Amino acid sequence: MTTLQKGDAAPDFSGFDQDGKFHQLEDYKGKKLVVFFYPKANTPGCTAEACDLRDNFERFKANNYELLGVSADNQKAQGKFRDKFKFPFPLIADEDKEMIKSFGVWGPKKFMGRTYDGIHRTTFVIDETGIIEDVISDVKTKAHAAQILK
């Protein structure tokens, strides 16, 4: 769905997390960054994906990775999701879908014969200089850390 590819510069994003803390691409220079977009907080697939990343968080830290989750949920929903599952990484509340659209993960989806616009579950691995190292659009929610850390 996204047109961004390996080797492209990552969009110069910015957004606020569940606690109102501001995050932007510039904050992550010198570190690898995993930005994972998920459709909706507290839904089965999104929970499985985020919990797998949480359970492997120390492996990410050991390899100089930071993680950022992004959905169109509001700060309160993101906060409840983080608190319920004890996520050690921030969740961006992109209600205006600015970041979601800049990464090209918003668009038509089909579910039970119905077409609607929504977030396509996609993960971007960004290197220390802001270049996209990997784009994962076929996310395995229960084994996503292994896809990223391969």
Protein backbone atom coordinates (compact mmCIF):
# COMPACT_ATOMS: atom_id res chain seq x y z
CA MET A 1 0.00 0.00 0.00
CA THR A 2 2.72 2.51 0.95
CA THR A 3 4.94 3.89 -1.81
CA LEU A 4 7.87 4.29 0.59
CA GLN A 5 10.64 1.78 -0.03
CA LYS A 6 13.93 0.61 1.37
CA GLY A 7 16.51 3.36 0.77
CA ASP A 8 14.00 6.26 0.87
CA ALA A 9 14.32 9.03 3.43
CA ALA A 10 11.77 8.57 6.23
CA PRO A 11 9.05 11.23 6.36
CA ASP A 12 9.92 14.04 8.77
CA PHE A 13 7.15 13.08 11.18
CA SER A 14 6.00 14.55 14.46
CA GLY A 15 3.26 13.64 16.91
CA PHE A 16 2.21 13.38 20.54
CA ASP A 17 2.16 10.15 22.52
CA GLN A 18 -0.31 8.87 25.14
CA ASP A 19 1.19 11.22 27.77
CA GLY A 20 1.25 14.32 25.55
CA LYS A 21 5.02 14.02 24.97
CA PHE A 22 6.16 15.32 21.56
CA HIS A 23 8.12 12.97 19.25
CA GLN A 24 9.76 13.75 15.93
CA LEU A 25 12.15 12.00 13.57
CA GLU A 26 14.98 14.29 14.68
CA ASP A 27 14.75 12.87 18.24
CA TYR A 28 15.91 9.48 16.98
CA LYS A 29 19.05 10.43 15.02
CA GLY A 30 21.86 8.04 15.95
CA LYS A 31 19.45 5.23 16.84
CA LYS A 32 17.53 2.72 14.79
CA LEU A 33 13.81 3.33 14.94
CA VAL A 34 10.94 0.91 14.45
CA VAL A 35 7.69 2.74 13.62
CA PHE A 36 4.78 0.31 13.63
CA PHE A 37 1.36 1.41 12.43
CA TYR A 38 -1.62 -0.54 13.73
CA PRO A 39 -5.35 -0.15 13.03
CA LYS A 40 -6.83 0.12 16.54
CA ALA A 41 -5.71 -0.09 20.15
CA ASN A 42 -7.01 -3.03 22.20
CA THR A 43 -8.08 -5.15 19.23
CA PRO A 44 -6.83 -8.76 18.99
CA GLY A 45 -4.28 -8.39 16.17
CA CYS A 46 -2.93 -5.06 17.41
CA THR A 47 -2.62 -6.41 20.94
CA ALA A 48 -0.77 -9.55 19.74
CA GLU A 49 1.63 -7.42 17.68
CA ALA A 50 2.39 -4.87 20.40
CA CYS A 51 2.75 -7.59 23.07
CA ASP A 52 5.25 -9.48 20.90
CA LEU A 53 7.29 -6.28 20.54
CA ARG A 54 7.01 -5.68 24.31
CA ASP A 55 8.15 -9.22 25.09
CA ASN A 56 11.23 -8.71 22.89
CA PHE A 57 11.91 -5.13 23.98
CA GLU A 58 15.25 -5.94 25.62
CA ARG A 59 16.48 -7.47 22.35
CA PHE A 60 15.54 -4.25 20.56
CA LYS A 61 17.30 -2.11 23.18
CA ALA A 62 20.42 -4.31 23.00
CA ASN A 63 20.56 -3.62 19.24
CA ASN A 64 20.15 0.19 19.60
CA TYR A 65 16.50 0.24 18.49
CA GLU A 66 13.76 2.57 19.71
CA LEU A 67 10.11 1.67 19.08
CA LEU A 68 7.12 3.90 18.32
CA GLY A 69 3.58 2.61 17.85
CA VAL A 70 1.14 4.73 15.84
CA SER A 71 -2.62 4.60 15.34
CA ALA A 72 -5.44 7.10 14.91
CA ASP A 73 -6.69 6.44 18.46
CA ASN A 74 -6.81 9.39 20.86
CA GLN A 75 -4.35 9.90 23.72
CA LYS A 76 -6.71 8.43 26.31
CA ALA A 77 -7.21 5.20 24.28
CA GLN A 78 -3.46 4.93 23.67
CA GLY A 79 -2.78 5.46 27.38
CA LYS A 80 -5.25 2.75 28.40
CA PHE A 81 -3.73 0.36 25.83
CA ARG A 82 -0.19 1.04 27.10
CA ASP A 83 -1.16 0.75 30.76
CA LYS A 84 -3.22 -2.42 30.32
CA PHE A 85 -0.38 -4.26 28.58
CA LYS A 86 2.60 -2.44 30.20
CA PHE A 87 4.20 -1.34 26.92
CA PRO A 88 7.70 0.14 27.47
CA PHE A 89 7.47 2.22 24.27
CA PRO A 90 5.39 5.30 23.36
CA LEU A 91 2.17 5.12 21.34
CA ILE A 92 1.52 8.11 19.07
CA ALA A 93 -2.08 9.34 19.01
CA ASP A 94 -2.34 10.45 15.36
CA GLU A 95 -5.98 11.50 15.37
CA ASP A 96 -5.59 13.86 12.39
CA LYS A 97 -3.79 11.03 10.51
CA GLU A 98 -0.95 13.35 9.46
CA MET A 99 1.80 10.85 10.29
CA ILE A 100 -0.28 7.91 9.03
CA LYS A 101 -0.79 9.61 5.65
CA SER A 102 2.83 10.81 5.39
CA PHE A 103 3.95 7.16 5.62
CA GLY A 104 1.26 6.15 3.09
CA VAL A 105 -0.50 3.58 5.27
CA TRP A 106 -4.04 5.05 5.10
CA GLY A 107 -6.39 3.77 2.43
CA PRO A 108 -9.19 1.45 1.35
CA LYS A 109 -9.55 -1.85 3.17
CA LYS A 110 -12.05 -4.69 2.94
CA PHE A 111 -13.60 -6.49 5.87
CA MET A 112 -16.55 -8.90 5.66
CA GLY A 113 -17.46 -7.64 2.19
CA ARG A 114 -17.41 -3.99 3.26
CA THR A 115 -14.91 -1.45 1.93
CA TYR A 116 -13.77 1.39 4.18
CA ASP A 117 -10.71 3.58 4.75
CA GLY A 118 -8.33 2.59 7.51
CA ILE A 119 -4.74 1.97 8.55
CA HIS A 120 -2.85 -0.76 6.74
CA ARG A 121 -0.76 -2.58 9.36
CA THR A 122 2.79 -1.69 8.29
CA THR A 123 6.15 -1.39 10.02
CA PHE A 124 9.08 0.80 8.99
CA VAL A 125 12.62 0.23 10.20
CA ILE A 126 14.57 3.49 9.98
CA ASP A 127 18.35 3.63 10.32
CA GLU A 128 20.44 6.01 12.42
CA THR A 129 20.50 8.64 9.64
CA GLY A 130 16.76 8.66 8.86
CA ILE A 131 16.82 6.30 5.88
CA ILE A 132 14.25 3.48 5.62
CA GLU A 133 16.06 0.18 6.08
CA ASP A 134 13.00 -2.06 5.76
CA VAL A 135 9.25 -1.89 5.09
CA ILE A 136 7.19 -4.77 6.46
CA SER A 137 3.64 -4.86 5.09
CA ASP A 138 2.97 -8.56 5.68
CA VAL A 139 3.10 -8.28 9.46
CA LYS A 140 2.97 -11.51 11.45
CA THR A 141 1.33 -10.16 14.60
CA LYS A 142 2.47 -12.98 16.92
CA ALA A 143 6.05 -13.06 15.58
CA HIS A 144 6.67 -9.50 14.52
CA ALA A 145 9.87 -8.97 16.52
CA ALA A 146 11.46 -11.89 14.63
CA GLN A 147 10.49 -10.24 11.32
CA ILE A 148 12.24 -7.03 12.35
CA LEU A 149 15.30 -8.49 14.08
CA LYS A 150 15.86 -11.27 11.51
